[in-house]
Amino acid sequence: MTDRYFIEQFDTGSVVELSTEEFRHAQVMRVKRGQQITLFDGRGGEATAEVIDVGKHSLTCRCGPRLAIDREAAVRVVIGVALPKGERQRILIEKAVELGASRLVPLRTQRGVAEPAAAMKRLPRIVIEASKQCGRNRLMEIADPVPVGEFLHAAPSAADRWFAHAGPDPAVADPFDATTSPTPPDSLQDMECGRYLAIGPEGGWESTEIELARSAGWQFVRWSRRTLRTETAALALLTLALGWKA
């Protein structure tokens, strides 16, 4: 575990108190009065803070200078995904944060195995914990769940848009082929436009969802011979979309 703690708002020189969840983390780390810890606000800010009081149920510290320290990826990547169940859901969110995804959109699909709305309360905490571990100062956004068709049509047409599809289809490209793999962004406009990924449920896309992607102009991609689990496909595509420039 790390000595990084999330707090939504702090300013240079301000005295702040950790939230209940962060205080529990500090207890595990046996933080003492006079110790230096690192705070981050999830909006790009980081500060070294001195612990000035540790009580039975709270920890108070004084913030040093708030610094804008950027550890974000070079390109903005948005993942639309039909969430898996249980522990695999946590793994997906945690690793997407570590790799550098900017935004994750839970998709409502016809064959989805998890109800996205039921996961919305626990996902933000997973994002915070993963950000503490990997050093990100800006939290990956968890968007409200949307139907897959809405996500497919909302993505900018100028962006790279990859639709993961395991079925046999001559129009599906191999994302690891040099002719289809993305190159690093060469302009600010490319960075802001970003890259969009759509990953379906383990039961696969319904034919109507496939046609929605085709009509919206998405590029179909797949891994030849192997069908990946949802979280594996999402993280593999994310890594490729980032071009290892994270």
C-alpha atoms as a PDB file:
ATOM      1  CA  MET A   1       0.000   0.000   0.000  1.00  0.00           C
ATOM      2  CA  THR A   2       1.109   3.606  -0.576  1.00  0.00           C
ATOM      3  CA  ASP A   3       1.295   6.833   1.433  1.00  0.00           C
ATOM      4  CA  ARG A   4      -1.003   8.597  -1.050  1.00  0.00           C
ATOM      5  CA  TYR A   5      -4.420   9.756   0.126  1.00  0.00           C
ATOM      6  CA  PHE A   6      -7.379  11.107  -1.799  1.00  0.00           C
ATOM      7  CA  ILE A   7      -9.151  14.270  -0.680  1.00  0.00           C
ATOM      8  CA  GLU A   8     -11.583  16.127  -2.921  1.00  0.00           C
ATOM      9  CA  GLN A   9     -10.505  19.673  -2.071  1.00  0.00           C
ATOM     10  CA  PHE A  10      -7.363  21.209  -0.617  1.00  0.00           C
ATOM     11  CA  ASP A  11      -5.346  24.381  -1.067  1.00  0.00           C
ATOM     12  CA  THR A  12      -1.789  25.388  -0.278  1.00  0.00           C
ATOM     13  CA  GLY A  13      -1.499  25.854   3.485  1.00  0.00           C
ATOM     14  CA  SER A  14      -4.990  24.564   4.276  1.00  0.00           C
ATOM     15  CA  VAL A  15      -5.728  22.210   7.165  1.00  0.00           C
ATOM     16  CA  VAL A  16      -7.778  19.202   6.042  1.00  0.00           C
ATOM     17  CA  GLU A  17      -9.181  16.016   7.538  1.00  0.00           C
ATOM     18  CA  LEU A  18      -9.134  12.668   5.806  1.00  0.00           C
ATOM     19  CA  SER A  19     -12.400  10.934   4.954  1.00  0.00           C
ATOM     20  CA  THR A  20     -13.410   7.774   6.799  1.00  0.00           C
ATOM     21  CA  GLU A  21     -12.060   5.495   4.045  1.00  0.00           C
ATOM     22  CA  GLU A  22      -8.758   7.354   3.830  1.00  0.00           C
ATOM     23  CA  PHE A  23      -8.404   7.422   7.620  1.00  0.00           C
ATOM     24  CA  ARG A  24      -8.711   3.630   7.654  1.00  0.00           C
ATOM     25  CA  HIS A  25      -5.924   3.471   5.091  1.00  0.00           C
ATOM     26  CA  ALA A  26      -3.792   5.735   7.309  1.00  0.00           C
ATOM     27  CA  GLN A  27      -4.437   3.444  10.277  1.00  0.00           C
ATOM     28  CA  VAL A  28      -3.239   0.435   8.284  1.00  0.00           C
ATOM     29  CA  MET A  29      -0.125   2.398   7.317  1.00  0.00           C
ATOM     30  CA  ARG A  30       0.392   3.409  10.984  1.00  0.00           C
ATOM     31  CA  VAL A  31       0.691   7.077  10.086  1.00  0.00           C
ATOM     32  CA  LYS A  32       1.996   9.189  12.992  1.00  0.00           C
ATOM     33  CA  ARG A  33       1.887  12.855  13.926  1.00  0.00           C
ATOM     34  CA  GLY A  34       4.666  14.793  12.198  1.00  0.00           C
ATOM     35  CA  GLN A  35       4.831  12.362   9.288  1.00  0.00           C
ATOM     36  CA  GLN A  36       4.804  13.547   5.659  1.00  0.00           C
ATOM     37  CA  ILE A  37       2.121  12.096   3.395  1.00  0.00           C
ATOM     38  CA  THR A  38       0.966  12.823  -0.158  1.00  0.00           C
ATOM     39  CA  LEU A  39      -2.517  14.102  -0.974  1.00  0.00           C
ATOM     40  CA  PHE A  40      -4.171  14.203  -4.396  1.00  0.00           C
ATOM     41  CA  ASP A  41      -7.528  15.656  -5.405  1.00  0.00           C
ATOM     42  CA  GLY A  42      -8.447  13.607  -8.482  1.00  0.00           C
ATOM     43  CA  ARG A  43      -8.382  16.731 -10.660  1.00  0.00           C
ATOM     44  CA  GLY A  44      -4.641  16.817 -11.303  1.00  0.00           C
ATOM     45  CA  GLY A  45      -3.446  18.317  -8.024  1.00  0.00           C
ATOM     46  CA  GLU A  46      -0.931  16.833  -5.598  1.00  0.00           C
ATOM     47  CA  ALA A  47       0.605  18.115  -2.368  1.00  0.00           C
ATOM     48  CA  THR A  48       2.905  16.963   0.380  1.00  0.00           C
ATOM     49  CA  ALA A  49       1.174  17.374   3.733  1.00  0.00           C
ATOM     50  CA  GLU A  50       2.331  17.165   7.344  1.00  0.00           C
ATOM     51  CA  VAL A  51       0.208  15.193   9.789  1.00  0.00           C
ATOM     52  CA  ILE A  52      -0.629  17.493  12.713  1.00  0.00           C
ATOM     53  CA  ASP A  53      -3.068  15.308  14.642  1.00  0.00           C
ATOM     54  CA  VAL A  54      -4.112  11.660  14.732  1.00  0.00           C
ATOM     55  CA  GLY A  55      -7.193  10.801  16.775  1.00  0.00           C
ATOM     56  CA  LYS A  56      -9.176   7.626  17.298  1.00  0.00           C
ATOM     57  CA  HIS A  57     -11.446   8.399  14.380  1.00  0.00           C
ATOM     58  CA  SER A  58      -9.727  11.155  12.377  1.00  0.00           C
ATOM     59  CA  LEU A  59      -6.462  12.427  10.945  1.00  0.00           C
ATOM     60  CA  THR A  60      -5.710  16.092  10.283  1.00  0.00           C
ATOM     61  CA  CYS A  61      -2.865  17.455   8.192  1.00  0.00           C
ATOM     62  CA  ARG A  62      -1.538  20.756   6.842  1.00  0.00           C
ATOM     63  CA  CYS A  63      -1.028  20.951   3.084  1.00  0.00           C
ATOM     64  CA  GLY A  64       2.110  22.157   1.404  1.00  0.00           C
ATOM     65  CA  PRO A  65       2.035  23.736  -2.075  1.00  0.00           C
ATOM     66  CA  ARG A  66      -0.611  22.268  -4.378  1.00  0.00           C
ATOM     67  CA  LEU A  67       1.211  21.177  -7.524  1.00  0.00           C
ATOM     68  CA  ALA A  68      -0.265  20.289 -10.899  1.00  0.00           C
ATOM     69  CA  ILE A  69       1.544  17.027 -11.630  1.00  0.00           C
ATOM     70  CA  ASP A  70       0.408  15.283 -14.790  1.00  0.00           C
ATOM     71  CA  ARG A  71       0.826  11.521 -15.096  1.00  0.00           C
ATOM     72  CA  GLU A  72      -1.883  11.045 -17.717  1.00  0.00           C
ATOM     73  CA  ALA A  73      -1.487   9.130 -20.970  1.00  0.00           C
ATOM     74  CA  ALA A  74      -0.551  10.975 -24.147  1.00  0.00           C
ATOM     75  CA  VAL A  75      -3.888  10.170 -25.765  1.00  0.00           C
ATOM     76  CA  ARG A  76      -7.421  10.115 -24.344  1.00  0.00           C
ATOM     77  CA  VAL A  77      -8.976   6.653 -24.509  1.00  0.00           C
ATOM     78  CA  VAL A  78     -12.648   6.004 -23.727  1.00  0.00           C
ATOM     79  CA  ILE A  79     -13.761   2.421 -23.059  1.00  0.00           C
ATOM     80  CA  GLY A  80     -17.365   1.367 -23.568  1.00  0.00           C
ATOM     81  CA  VAL A  81     -17.764  -2.078 -22.033  1.00  0.00           C
ATOM     82  CA  ALA A  82     -20.432  -4.531 -20.942  1.00  0.00           C
ATOM     83  CA  LEU A  83     -19.305  -5.078 -17.352  1.00  0.00           C
ATOM     84  CA  PRO A  84     -18.397  -8.604 -16.226  1.00  0.00           C
ATOM     85  CA  LYS A  85     -19.457  -9.900 -12.825  1.00  0.00           C
ATOM     86  CA  GLY A  86     -17.734 -10.108  -9.457  1.00  0.00           C
ATOM     87  CA  GLU A  87     -13.982  -9.928  -9.034  1.00  0.00           C
ATOM     88  CA  ARG A  88     -13.391  -9.619 -12.771  1.00  0.00           C
ATOM     89  CA  GLN A  89     -15.271  -6.326 -12.693  1.00  0.00           C
ATOM     90  CA  ARG A  90     -12.859  -4.981 -10.085  1.00  0.00           C
ATOM     91  CA  ILE A  91      -9.858  -6.192 -12.103  1.00  0.00           C
ATOM     92  CA  LEU A  92     -11.152  -4.440 -15.220  1.00  0.00           C
ATOM     93  CA  ILE A  93     -11.581  -1.084 -13.472  1.00  0.00           C
ATOM     94  CA  GLU A  94      -8.333  -1.305 -11.529  1.00  0.00           C
ATOM     95  CA  LYS A  95      -6.167  -2.138 -14.528  1.00  0.00           C
ATOM     96  CA  ALA A  96      -7.894   0.387 -16.790  1.00  0.00           C
ATOM     97  CA  VAL A  97      -6.915   3.066 -14.260  1.00  0.00           C
ATOM     98  CA  GLU A  98      -3.333   1.823 -14.044  1.00  0.00           C
ATOM     99  CA  LEU A  99      -2.907   1.679 -17.817  1.00  0.00           C
ATOM    100  CA  GLY A 100      -4.295   5.189 -18.275  1.00  0.00           C
ATOM    101  CA  ALA A 101      -7.880   5.097 -19.588  1.00  0.00           C
ATOM    102  CA  SER A 102      -9.570   8.487 -19.346  1.00  0.00           C
ATOM    103  CA  ARG A 103     -13.188   7.363 -19.167  1.00  0.00           C
ATOM    104  CA  LEU A 104     -15.136   4.134 -18.806  1.00  0.00           C
ATOM    105  CA  VAL A 105     -18.740   3.840 -19.944  1.00  0.00           C
ATOM    106  CA  PRO A 106     -20.736   0.803 -18.732  1.00  0.00           C
ATOM    107  CA  LEU A 107     -22.795  -0.475 -21.660  1.00  0.00           C
ATOM    108  CA  ARG A 108     -26.251  -1.974 -21.557  1.00  0.00           C
ATOM    109  CA  THR A 109     -26.243  -4.828 -24.050  1.00  0.00           C
ATOM    110  CA  GLN A 110     -28.728  -7.560 -24.892  1.00  0.00           C
ATOM    111  CA  ARG A 111     -26.481 -10.328 -23.561  1.00  0.00           C
ATOM    112  CA  GLY A 112     -24.912  -8.477 -20.636  1.00  0.00           C
ATOM    113  CA  VAL A 113     -24.333 -10.550 -17.481  1.00  0.00           C
ATOM    114  CA  ALA A 114     -24.114  -7.719 -14.929  1.00  0.00           C
ATOM    115  CA  GLU A 115     -26.568  -4.912 -14.283  1.00  0.00           C
ATOM    116  CA  PRO A 116     -24.483  -1.712 -14.707  1.00  0.00           C
ATOM    117  CA  ALA A 117     -26.578   0.369 -12.312  1.00  0.00           C
ATOM    118  CA  ALA A 118     -25.886  -2.054  -9.466  1.00  0.00           C
ATOM    119  CA  ALA A 119     -22.126  -1.510  -9.839  1.00  0.00           C
ATOM    120  CA  MET A 120     -22.128   2.282  -9.871  1.00  0.00           C
ATOM    121  CA  LYS A 121     -21.754   2.724  -6.096  1.00  0.00           C
ATOM    122  CA  ARG A 122     -18.616   0.600  -5.767  1.00  0.00           C
ATOM    123  CA  LEU A 123     -16.747   1.483  -8.968  1.00  0.00           C
ATOM    124  CA  PRO A 124     -15.621   5.004  -7.928  1.00  0.00           C
ATOM    125  CA  ARG A 125     -13.891   3.595  -4.850  1.00  0.00           C
ATOM    126  CA  ILE A 126     -11.988   1.109  -7.000  1.00  0.00           C
ATOM    127  CA  VAL A 127     -10.864   4.021  -9.187  1.00  0.00           C
ATOM    128  CA  ILE A 128      -9.591   5.929  -6.147  1.00  0.00           C
ATOM    129  CA  GLU A 129      -7.677   2.957  -4.736  1.00  0.00           C
ATOM    130  CA  ALA A 130      -6.074   2.196  -8.097  1.00  0.00           C
ATOM    131  CA  SER A 131      -5.121   5.862  -8.552  1.00  0.00           C
ATOM    132  CA  LYS A 132      -3.473   5.892  -5.140  1.00  0.00           C
ATOM    133  CA  GLN A 133      -1.422   2.865  -6.064  1.00  0.00           C
ATOM    134  CA  CYS A 134      -0.293   3.910  -9.547  1.00  0.00           C
ATOM    135  CA  GLY A 135       0.287   7.619  -8.908  1.00  0.00           C
ATOM    136  CA  ARG A 136      -2.428   9.140 -11.088  1.00  0.00           C
ATOM    137  CA  ASN A 137      -3.656  12.506  -9.850  1.00  0.00           C
ATOM    138  CA  ARG A 138      -6.671  12.636 -12.149  1.00  0.00           C
ATOM    139  CA  LEU A 139      -9.412  10.085 -11.570  1.00  0.00           C
ATOM    140  CA  MET A 140     -10.652   7.990 -14.457  1.00  0.00           C
ATOM    141  CA  GLU A 141     -14.253   9.009 -15.047  1.00  0.00           C
ATOM    142  CA  ILE A 142     -16.985   6.408 -14.616  1.00  0.00           C
ATOM    143  CA  ALA A 143     -19.879   7.514 -16.807  1.00  0.00           C
ATOM    144  CA  ASP A 144     -23.524   6.657 -16.308  1.00  0.00           C
ATOM    145  CA  PRO A 145     -24.552   3.394 -18.010  1.00  0.00           C
ATOM    146  CA  VAL A 146     -25.951   3.822 -21.521  1.00  0.00           C
ATOM    147  CA  PRO A 147     -27.383   1.539 -24.207  1.00  0.00           C
ATOM    148  CA  VAL A 148     -24.695   0.360 -26.591  1.00  0.00           C
ATOM    149  CA  GLY A 149     -26.348   2.132 -29.535  1.00  0.00           C
ATOM    150  CA  GLU A 150     -26.152   5.469 -27.762  1.00  0.00           C
ATOM    151  CA  PHE A 151     -22.441   4.992 -27.074  1.00  0.00           C
ATOM    152  CA  LEU A 152     -21.694   3.951 -30.651  1.00  0.00           C
ATOM    153  CA  HIS A 153     -23.385   7.007 -32.155  1.00  0.00           C
ATOM    154  CA  ALA A 154     -22.018   9.483 -29.592  1.00  0.00           C
ATOM    155  CA  ALA A 155     -18.342   8.775 -30.348  1.00  0.00           C
ATOM    156  CA  PRO A 156     -16.843  11.443 -32.653  1.00  0.00           C
ATOM    157  CA  SER A 157     -16.531  10.222 -36.222  1.00  0.00           C
ATOM    158  CA  ALA A 158     -13.038  11.753 -36.407  1.00  0.00           C
ATOM    159  CA  ALA A 159     -11.808   9.534 -33.581  1.00  0.00           C
ATOM    160  CA  ASP A 160     -10.320   6.052 -33.892  1.00  0.00           C
ATOM    161  CA  ARG A 161     -13.274   3.789 -33.009  1.00  0.00           C
ATOM    162  CA  TRP A 162     -12.665   0.087 -32.468  1.00  0.00           C
ATOM    163  CA  PHE A 163     -15.478  -2.426 -32.099  1.00  0.00           C
ATOM    164  CA  ALA A 164     -14.229  -5.722 -30.628  1.00  0.00           C
ATOM    165  CA  HIS A 165     -15.899  -8.568 -32.503  1.00  0.00           C
ATOM    166  CA  ALA A 166     -14.895 -12.230 -32.158  1.00  0.00           C
ATOM    167  CA  GLY A 167     -17.186 -13.613 -34.856  1.00  0.00           C
ATOM    168  CA  PRO A 168     -16.036 -14.577 -38.369  1.00  0.00           C
ATOM    169  CA  ASP A 169     -16.379 -11.570 -40.615  1.00  0.00           C
ATOM    170  CA  PRO A 170     -14.184 -10.594 -43.591  1.00  0.00           C
ATOM    171  CA  ALA A 171     -14.491  -6.935 -42.598  1.00  0.00           C
ATOM    172  CA  VAL A 172     -12.885  -7.521 -39.186  1.00  0.00           C
ATOM    173  CA  ALA A 173      -9.271  -6.373 -38.897  1.00  0.00           C
ATOM    174  CA  ASP A 174      -6.445  -7.719 -36.757  1.00  0.00           C
ATOM    175  CA  PRO A 175      -5.563  -4.863 -34.359  1.00  0.00           C
ATOM    176  CA  PHE A 176      -1.989  -6.147 -34.085  1.00  0.00           C
ATOM    177  CA  ASP A 177      -1.421  -5.793 -37.805  1.00  0.00           C
ATOM    178  CA  ALA A 178       0.930  -2.909 -38.578  1.00  0.00           C
ATOM    179  CA  THR A 179      -1.530  -1.506 -41.083  1.00  0.00           C
ATOM    180  CA  THR A 180      -4.320  -1.150 -38.502  1.00  0.00           C
ATOM    181  CA  SER A 181      -2.423  -0.461 -35.274  1.00  0.00           C
ATOM    182  CA  PRO A 182      -2.716   3.148 -34.049  1.00  0.00           C
ATOM    183  CA  THR A 183       0.167   5.564 -34.130  1.00  0.00           C
ATOM    184  CA  PRO A 184       0.867   8.149 -31.425  1.00  0.00           C
ATOM    185  CA  PRO A 185      -1.206  11.340 -31.793  1.00  0.00           C
ATOM    186  CA  ASP A 186       0.579  13.997 -33.799  1.00  0.00           C
ATOM    187  CA  SER A 187      -1.535  16.993 -32.832  1.00  0.00           C
ATOM    188  CA  LEU A 188      -3.475  18.440 -29.913  1.00  0.00           C
ATOM    189  CA  GLN A 189      -6.671  17.887 -31.873  1.00  0.00           C
ATOM    190  CA  ASP A 190      -5.885  14.168 -32.172  1.00  0.00           C
ATOM    191  CA  MET A 191      -5.253  13.958 -28.425  1.00  0.00           C
ATOM    192  CA  GLU A 192      -8.519  15.687 -27.549  1.00  0.00           C
ATOM    193  CA  CYS A 193     -10.502  13.604 -30.041  1.00  0.00           C
ATOM    194  CA  GLY A 194      -9.029  10.465 -28.547  1.00  0.00           C
ATOM    195  CA  ARG A 195      -9.801   6.832 -29.213  1.00  0.00           C
ATOM    196  CA  TYR A 196     -12.963   4.901 -28.452  1.00  0.00           C
ATOM    197  CA  LEU A 197     -13.258   1.187 -27.726  1.00  0.00           C
ATOM    198  CA  ALA A 198     -16.416  -0.943 -27.585  1.00  0.00           C
ATOM    199  CA  ILE A 199     -16.211  -4.329 -25.865  1.00  0.00           C
ATOM    200  CA  GLY A 200     -19.243  -6.556 -25.584  1.00  0.00           C
ATOM    201  CA  PRO A 201     -20.434  -9.155 -23.081  1.00  0.00           C
ATOM    202  CA  GLU A 202     -19.066 -12.688 -22.873  1.00  0.00           C
ATOM    203  CA  GLY A 203     -22.071 -14.001 -24.755  1.00  0.00           C
ATOM    204  CA  GLY A 204     -21.090 -11.801 -27.671  1.00  0.00           C
ATOM    205  CA  TRP A 205     -22.901  -9.023 -29.485  1.00  0.00           C
ATOM    206  CA  GLU A 206     -26.383  -9.510 -30.857  1.00  0.00           C
ATOM    207  CA  SER A 207     -26.701  -9.108 -34.636  1.00  0.00           C
ATOM    208  CA  THR A 208     -28.611  -5.840 -34.181  1.00  0.00           C
ATOM    209  CA  GLU A 209     -25.751  -4.404 -32.097  1.00  0.00           C
ATOM    210  CA  ILE A 210     -23.238  -5.440 -34.735  1.00  0.00           C
ATOM    211  CA  GLU A 211     -25.273  -3.677 -37.403  1.00  0.00           C
ATOM    212  CA  LEU A 212     -25.456  -0.551 -35.241  1.00  0.00           C
ATOM    213  CA  ALA A 213     -21.654  -0.456 -35.086  1.00  0.00           C
ATOM    214  CA  ARG A 214     -21.341  -1.074 -38.793  1.00  0.00           C
ATOM    215  CA  SER A 215     -23.808   1.672 -39.694  1.00  0.00           C
ATOM    216  CA  ALA A 216     -22.053   4.104 -37.336  1.00  0.00           C
ATOM    217  CA  GLY A 217     -18.744   3.515 -39.128  1.00  0.00           C
ATOM    218  CA  TRP A 218     -16.793   1.734 -36.380  1.00  0.00           C
ATOM    219  CA  GLN A 219     -13.749  -0.343 -37.322  1.00  0.00           C
ATOM    220  CA  PHE A 220     -14.225  -4.009 -36.379  1.00  0.00           C
ATOM    221  CA  VAL A 221     -11.234  -5.691 -34.687  1.00  0.00           C
ATOM    222  CA  ARG A 222     -10.596  -9.183 -33.324  1.00  0.00           C
ATOM    223  CA  TRP A 223      -7.919 -11.613 -32.179  1.00  0.00           C
ATOM    224  CA  SER A 224      -7.648 -14.476 -34.641  1.00  0.00           C
ATOM    225  CA  ARG A 225      -8.383 -17.991 -33.338  1.00  0.00           C
ATOM    226  CA  ARG A 226      -8.999 -16.925 -29.719  1.00  0.00           C
ATOM    227  CA  THR A 227     -11.990 -15.429 -27.984  1.00  0.00           C
ATOM    228  CA  LEU A 228     -11.020 -13.298 -24.995  1.00  0.00           C
ATOM    229  CA  ARG A 229     -12.998 -12.614 -21.867  1.00  0.00           C
ATOM    230  CA  THR A 230     -14.492  -9.161 -21.609  1.00  0.00           C
ATOM    231  CA  GLU A 231     -11.894  -7.712 -19.226  1.00  0.00           C
ATOM    232  CA  THR A 232      -8.997  -9.259 -21.169  1.00  0.00           C
ATOM    233  CA  ALA A 233     -10.234  -7.835 -24.460  1.00  0.00           C
ATOM    234  CA  ALA A 234     -10.792  -4.409 -22.907  1.00  0.00           C
ATOM    235  CA  LEU A 235      -7.319  -4.207 -21.371  1.00  0.00           C
ATOM    236  CA  ALA A 236      -5.555  -5.578 -24.456  1.00  0.00           C
ATOM    237  CA  LEU A 237      -7.296  -3.076 -26.716  1.00  0.00           C
ATOM    238  CA  LEU A 238      -6.638  -0.269 -24.243  1.00  0.00           C
ATOM    239  CA  THR A 239      -2.928  -1.053 -24.192  1.00  0.00           C
ATOM    240  CA  LEU A 240      -2.801  -1.055 -27.985  1.00  0.00           C
ATOM    241  CA  ALA A 241      -4.852   2.152 -28.252  1.00  0.00           C
ATOM    242  CA  LEU A 242      -2.425   3.903 -25.918  1.00  0.00           C
ATOM    243  CA  GLY A 243       0.422   2.762 -28.162  1.00  0.00           C
ATOM    244  CA  TRP A 244       2.462   2.149 -25.005  1.00  0.00           C
ATOM    245  CA  LYS A 245       2.913   5.921 -24.805  1.00  0.00           C
ATOM    246  CA  ALA A 246       1.272   6.020 -21.371  1.00  0.00           C
END
